Amino acid sequence: MPYAVTPDKVKLYYEEVGQGTPILFVHEFASDHRGWEPQLREFGKRHRCIVYSARGYTPSDVPADKDAYSYRHVMRDCVAVLDHLGIDRAHVVGLSMGAYTTLQVALSHPGRVRSMVLAGIGSGSERWFTDEFHKNAHALADTFEREGAAAVAATYGLGPSRVPFLLKDPRGFAEFAQRLAGHDAQGSAHTSRGFLGARPSLYDFESDIARLTVPALIVVGDEDERCIEPSLFLKRSIPASGLVMMPKTGHVVNLEEPDLFNQAVGDFLARVEAGRWLPRDPRSLAAR
């Protein structure tokens, strides 16, 4: 099995397919490297596509140290995969936890990010909700440790923002739930406490986000309620950004609507590579 090794000696399992400009896909909390299969099949036709499983997600290592799961650790892991593969710059596509990580890479290492797709981003960032979100993440970690991943798949896996996936594509949802049920319970618990339960709100980075020059595509489902306002915030804040809202869609946008997602991302990447994804013209701004 191929592994990239992080600065703190954690082995990260990865897969790659295709040739061309590289795209690195970064998965969400409830998924792993397998959650990007529809994108690998499409973009692998004309890009070098890489997926990996984050620390805590087998077959990657599951560090025993609970303090080894902060958002900074996870951000550095993303860069470590690029380093291992000798990739100076890549398009980076992230969903949820992966989108937060993608944004952190762009903030800390902007020269490594050719463009970024931020899908399903911002859960817990709304100021009124952040403390509750952190509390819920710690409770979820307790459930992983007490009852195991299969029990979490039957509860957390049926959260409000995931119901649209179940209704729309029962077979696809069953595959997602089966993967979640097989996750390492301790690794997921550490990730829930260390990453979800401690990460700052996106709004804490507002001034840094406003200085980004990296082209960005923000993708959100119109039934992913906790991510809509943060997505609008990012659209307002990132100069070279565009926003796609998918109708009747929840959190797992890349699996719920793979064709629409791939079409939007494909158009975005083509325009970036043609130099035609530009910062917003000030003349298009409405008075506040």
Protein backbone atom coordinates (compact mmCIF):
# COMPACT_ATOMS: atom_id res chain seq x y z
CA MET A 1 0.00 0.00 0.00
CA PRO A 2 1.32 3.51 -0.79
CA TYR A 3 1.78 5.85 2.16
CA ALA A 4 2.91 9.43 2.66
CA VAL A 5 4.64 10.14 5.98
CA THR A 6 3.89 13.35 7.87
CA PRO A 7 6.42 15.43 9.84
CA ASP A 8 5.22 13.73 13.06
CA LYS A 9 5.68 10.27 11.48
CA VAL A 10 2.03 9.44 10.77
CA LYS A 11 1.51 7.28 7.68
CA LEU A 12 -1.29 8.41 5.37
CA TYR A 13 -2.70 5.99 2.83
CA TYR A 14 -3.29 7.47 -0.62
CA GLU A 15 -4.38 6.48 -4.11
CA GLU A 16 -3.91 8.24 -7.42
CA VAL A 17 -5.13 7.93 -10.99
CA GLY A 18 -4.67 9.81 -14.25
CA GLN A 19 -2.21 12.31 -15.64
CA GLY A 20 -2.15 16.07 -16.01
CA THR A 21 -2.53 19.00 -13.65
CA PRO A 22 -2.86 17.49 -10.15
CA ILE A 23 -6.03 17.59 -8.06
CA LEU A 24 -5.90 16.64 -4.39
CA PHE A 25 -9.24 15.59 -2.85
CA VAL A 26 -9.72 15.97 0.92
CA HIS A 27 -12.55 14.02 2.54
CA GLU A 28 -15.16 14.90 5.16
CA PHE A 29 -15.41 13.67 8.76
CA ALA A 30 -17.94 10.90 8.03
CA SER A 31 -16.11 9.61 4.96
CA ASP A 32 -12.62 8.60 3.85
CA HIS A 33 -10.67 8.37 0.60
CA ARG A 34 -13.40 6.20 -0.95
CA GLY A 35 -15.93 9.04 -0.83
CA TRP A 36 -14.44 10.68 -3.93
CA GLU A 37 -14.95 7.78 -6.36
CA PRO A 38 -17.31 9.65 -8.75
CA GLN A 39 -14.78 12.45 -8.98
CA LEU A 40 -11.81 10.14 -9.58
CA ARG A 41 -13.67 8.46 -12.42
CA GLU A 42 -14.47 11.79 -14.07
CA PHE A 43 -11.44 13.97 -13.44
CA GLY A 44 -8.96 11.10 -13.73
CA LYS A 45 -9.64 11.26 -17.47
CA ARG A 46 -7.62 14.47 -17.77
CA HIS A 47 -5.97 15.20 -14.41
CA ARG A 48 -3.64 13.52 -11.97
CA CYS A 49 -6.08 12.85 -9.12
CA ILE A 50 -5.02 11.99 -5.59
CA VAL A 51 -7.14 10.94 -2.62
CA TYR A 52 -5.97 10.01 0.86
CA SER A 53 -7.41 8.98 4.19
CA ALA A 54 -6.79 11.41 7.03
CA ARG A 55 -5.03 10.43 10.24
CA GLY A 56 -7.41 8.37 12.33
CA TYR A 57 -8.97 6.73 9.27
CA THR A 58 -7.64 3.29 8.36
CA PRO A 59 -5.68 2.21 6.40
CA SER A 60 -3.89 5.41 7.47
CA ASP A 61 -2.37 5.43 10.95
CA VAL A 62 -4.50 6.05 14.01
CA PRO A 63 -2.22 7.95 16.43
CA ALA A 64 -2.86 7.11 20.07
CA ASP A 65 -2.12 10.68 21.19
CA LYS A 66 -5.43 12.55 21.41
CA ASP A 67 -3.55 15.84 20.97
CA ALA A 68 -2.39 14.81 17.48
CA TYR A 69 -5.72 15.61 15.81
CA SER A 70 -5.95 19.41 15.73
CA TYR A 71 -6.93 21.28 12.59
CA ARG A 72 -3.30 22.33 12.26
CA HIS A 73 -2.15 18.69 12.25
CA VAL A 74 -4.72 17.85 9.58
CA MET A 75 -3.73 20.88 7.50
CA ARG A 76 -0.06 19.88 7.64
CA ASP A 77 -1.01 16.34 6.60
CA CYS A 78 -2.53 17.70 3.40
CA VAL A 79 0.72 19.49 2.59
CA ALA A 80 2.70 16.35 3.48
CA VAL A 81 0.85 14.38 0.82
CA LEU A 82 1.78 17.00 -1.79
CA ASP A 83 5.38 16.95 -0.58
CA HIS A 84 5.58 13.16 -0.73
CA LEU A 85 4.33 13.15 -4.31
CA GLY A 86 6.65 15.98 -5.37
CA ILE A 87 3.73 18.28 -6.26
CA ASP A 88 4.50 21.98 -5.92
CA ARG A 89 0.97 23.25 -6.67
CA ALA A 90 -2.37 21.50 -7.00
CA HIS A 91 -6.03 22.18 -7.31
CA VAL A 92 -7.40 21.19 -3.89
CA VAL A 93 -10.99 19.99 -3.54
CA GLY A 94 -12.42 19.54 -0.05
CA LEU A 95 -15.76 18.56 1.45
CA SER A 96 -16.78 19.71 4.95
CA MET A 97 -13.83 18.85 7.23
CA GLY A 98 -11.81 18.56 4.03
CA ALA A 99 -13.01 21.98 2.85
CA TYR A 100 -12.00 23.56 6.17
CA THR A 101 -8.61 21.90 5.75
CA THR A 102 -8.33 23.10 2.15
CA LEU A 103 -8.96 26.67 3.26
CA GLN A 104 -6.34 26.36 6.01
CA VAL A 105 -3.79 25.15 3.47
CA ALA A 106 -4.56 28.16 1.27
CA LEU A 107 -4.18 30.50 4.26
CA SER A 108 -0.92 28.96 5.47
CA HIS A 109 0.63 27.82 2.16
CA PRO A 110 -1.06 29.83 -0.63
CA GLY A 111 1.72 29.01 -3.07
CA ARG A 112 0.79 25.33 -2.94
CA VAL A 113 -2.86 25.84 -3.96
CA ARG A 114 -3.59 26.46 -7.63
CA SER A 115 -7.29 26.72 -6.86
CA MET A 116 -9.66 25.44 -4.17
CA VAL A 117 -13.14 23.97 -4.08
CA LEU A 118 -14.84 24.48 -0.72
CA ALA A 119 -17.88 22.20 -0.59
CA GLY A 120 -20.20 21.84 2.38
CA ILE A 121 -18.01 24.16 4.41
CA GLY A 122 -18.72 26.01 7.64
CA SER A 123 -20.64 23.72 10.01
CA GLY A 124 -20.31 25.22 13.48
CA SER A 125 -18.97 28.55 12.26
CA GLU A 126 -22.09 30.61 12.86
CA ARG A 127 -21.31 32.62 15.98
CA TRP A 128 -24.49 31.61 17.79
CA PHE A 129 -23.80 27.92 17.10
CA THR A 130 -20.04 27.44 17.59
CA ASP A 131 -20.11 26.56 21.30
CA GLU A 132 -22.97 24.11 20.82
CA PHE A 133 -21.21 22.58 17.81
CA HIS A 134 -18.06 22.00 19.88
CA LYS A 135 -20.13 20.49 22.69
CA ASN A 136 -21.91 18.18 20.24
CA ALA A 137 -18.58 17.08 18.76
CA HIS A 138 -17.32 16.04 22.19
CA ALA A 139 -20.56 14.13 22.82
CA LEU A 140 -20.17 12.42 19.45
CA ALA A 141 -16.65 11.36 20.42
CA ASP A 142 -18.03 9.81 23.60
CA THR A 143 -20.56 7.87 21.52
CA PHE A 144 -17.85 6.54 19.23
CA GLU A 145 -15.91 5.27 22.25
CA ARG A 146 -18.93 3.92 24.11
CA GLU A 147 -20.98 2.38 21.29
CA GLY A 148 -18.72 2.09 18.24
CA ALA A 149 -18.84 3.38 14.69
CA ALA A 150 -21.81 1.26 13.60
CA ALA A 151 -24.03 2.93 16.21
CA VAL A 152 -22.85 6.36 15.09
CA ALA A 153 -23.65 5.50 11.47
CA ALA A 154 -27.22 4.82 12.53
CA THR A 155 -27.59 8.16 14.33
CA TYR A 156 -25.08 10.82 13.23
CA GLY A 157 -25.22 9.30 9.75
CA LEU A 158 -28.92 10.21 9.64
CA GLY A 159 -28.50 13.83 10.73
CA PRO A 160 -30.73 16.49 9.13
CA SER A 161 -28.22 17.51 6.46
CA ARG A 162 -27.82 13.88 5.33
CA VAL A 163 -31.49 12.98 4.99
CA PRO A 164 -31.66 14.47 1.46
CA PHE A 165 -29.00 11.94 0.38
CA LEU A 166 -31.05 9.07 1.84
CA LEU A 167 -34.22 10.22 0.10
CA LYS A 168 -32.55 10.92 -3.22
CA ASP A 169 -30.22 7.94 -3.55
CA PRO A 170 -30.91 5.12 -1.05
CA ARG A 171 -28.25 2.87 -2.57
CA GLY A 172 -25.59 5.58 -2.52
CA PHE A 173 -26.55 6.45 1.05
CA ALA A 174 -26.25 2.79 2.08
CA GLU A 175 -22.69 2.70 0.72
CA PHE A 176 -21.85 5.89 2.63
CA ALA A 177 -23.35 4.51 5.86
CA GLN A 178 -21.50 1.22 5.48
CA ARG A 179 -18.18 3.04 5.14
CA LEU A 180 -18.91 5.16 8.21
CA ALA A 181 -19.88 2.07 10.22
CA GLY A 182 -16.47 0.57 9.46
CA HIS A 183 -14.38 3.50 10.68
CA ASP A 184 -11.95 3.15 13.55
CA ALA A 185 -13.94 4.27 16.59
CA GLN A 186 -11.00 5.68 18.51
CA GLY A 187 -9.62 7.53 15.51
CA SER A 188 -13.03 9.06 14.85
CA ALA A 189 -13.40 9.99 18.52
CA HIS A 190 -10.04 11.75 18.54
CA THR A 191 -10.92 13.56 15.30
CA SER A 192 -14.30 14.61 16.65
CA ARG A 193 -12.76 16.08 19.81
CA GLY A 194 -9.53 17.45 18.38
CA PHE A 195 -10.70 18.73 15.01
CA LEU A 196 -14.47 19.27 15.09
CA GLY A 197 -14.60 20.02 18.79
CA ALA A 198 -11.82 22.58 18.86
CA ARG A 199 -11.48 24.21 15.44
CA PRO A 200 -12.06 27.97 15.31
CA SER A 201 -14.97 29.47 13.45
CA LEU A 202 -14.30 30.51 9.86
CA TYR A 203 -15.13 34.05 10.95
CA ASP A 204 -12.03 34.09 13.16
CA PHE A 205 -9.97 34.16 9.95
CA GLU A 206 -11.99 36.88 8.23
CA SER A 207 -9.14 39.37 7.68
CA ASP A 208 -6.79 36.66 6.35
CA ILE A 209 -9.49 35.21 4.10
CA ALA A 210 -10.09 38.63 2.56
CA ARG A 211 -6.43 38.77 1.47
CA LEU A 212 -6.51 35.45 -0.37
CA THR A 213 -5.78 35.55 -4.08
CA VAL A 214 -6.40 31.83 -4.65
CA PRO A 215 -9.33 31.17 -7.03
CA ALA A 216 -12.17 29.52 -5.12
CA LEU A 217 -15.40 27.72 -5.92
CA ILE A 218 -17.82 27.41 -2.99
CA VAL A 219 -20.44 24.67 -3.27
CA VAL A 220 -23.36 24.22 -0.87
CA GLY A 221 -26.64 22.33 -0.82
CA ASP A 222 -29.76 24.38 -0.18
CA GLU A 223 -30.81 21.88 2.52
CA ASP A 224 -27.45 21.97 4.32
CA GLU A 225 -28.63 24.74 6.60
CA ARG A 226 -25.59 25.15 8.85
CA CYS A 227 -23.35 25.70 5.82
CA ILE A 228 -25.42 28.21 3.85
CA GLU A 229 -24.59 31.37 5.81
CA PRO A 230 -20.85 30.52 6.11
CA SER A 231 -20.78 29.87 2.35
CA LEU A 232 -22.29 33.30 1.70
CA PHE A 233 -19.69 34.78 4.07
CA LEU A 234 -16.88 33.16 2.08
CA LYS A 235 -18.37 34.36 -1.21
CA ARG A 236 -18.39 37.91 0.15
CA SER A 237 -14.88 37.59 1.59
CA ILE A 238 -12.76 35.75 -1.00
CA PRO A 239 -12.08 38.12 -3.92
CA ALA A 240 -11.79 35.48 -6.67
CA SER A 241 -14.67 33.27 -5.58
CA GLY A 242 -17.86 31.91 -7.04
CA LEU A 243 -20.79 30.24 -5.33
CA VAL A 244 -22.91 27.30 -6.49
CA MET A 245 -26.02 26.30 -4.52
CA MET A 246 -27.47 22.92 -5.46
CA PRO A 247 -31.26 22.52 -5.13
CA LYS A 248 -32.82 19.85 -2.92
CA THR A 249 -29.36 18.85 -1.74
CA GLY A 250 -27.84 18.33 1.68
CA HIS A 251 -24.29 18.06 2.96
CA VAL A 252 -22.70 15.36 0.80
CA VAL A 253 -22.92 17.36 -2.41
CA ASN A 254 -20.33 15.39 -4.38
CA LEU A 255 -22.18 12.09 -3.86
CA GLU A 256 -25.76 13.36 -3.84
CA GLU A 257 -25.35 15.17 -7.16
CA PRO A 258 -22.15 13.84 -8.73
CA ASP A 259 -22.99 14.98 -12.25
CA LEU A 260 -23.86 18.54 -11.21
CA PHE A 261 -20.87 18.70 -8.89
CA ASN A 262 -18.46 17.42 -11.53
CA GLN A 263 -19.87 19.81 -14.11
CA ALA A 264 -19.47 22.82 -11.82
CA VAL A 265 -15.98 21.83 -10.70
CA GLY A 266 -14.90 20.97 -14.23
CA ASP A 267 -15.98 24.36 -15.55
CA PHE A 268 -14.24 26.07 -12.63
CA LEU A 269 -10.95 24.22 -13.20
CA ALA A 270 -11.03 24.93 -16.94
CA ARG A 271 -11.55 28.64 -16.35
CA VAL A 272 -8.79 28.78 -13.74
CA GLU A 273 -6.35 27.07 -16.07
CA ALA A 274 -7.33 29.47 -18.87
CA GLY A 275 -6.72 32.46 -16.60
CA ARG A 276 -10.40 33.39 -16.77
CA TRP A 277 -11.47 33.01 -13.12
CA LEU A 278 -10.89 36.58 -12.02
CA PRO A 279 -11.37 38.55 -8.80
CA ARG A 280 -14.74 40.23 -8.52
CA ASP A 281 -15.06 43.51 -10.36
CA PRO A 282 -15.82 46.25 -7.77
CA ARG A 283 -18.48 47.63 -10.08
CA SER A 284 -20.61 44.52 -9.41
CA LEU A 285 -20.76 45.19 -5.67
CA ALA A 286 -24.03 46.52 -4.32
CA ALA A 287 -23.99 49.28 -1.73
CA ARG A 288 -24.32 48.05 1.85
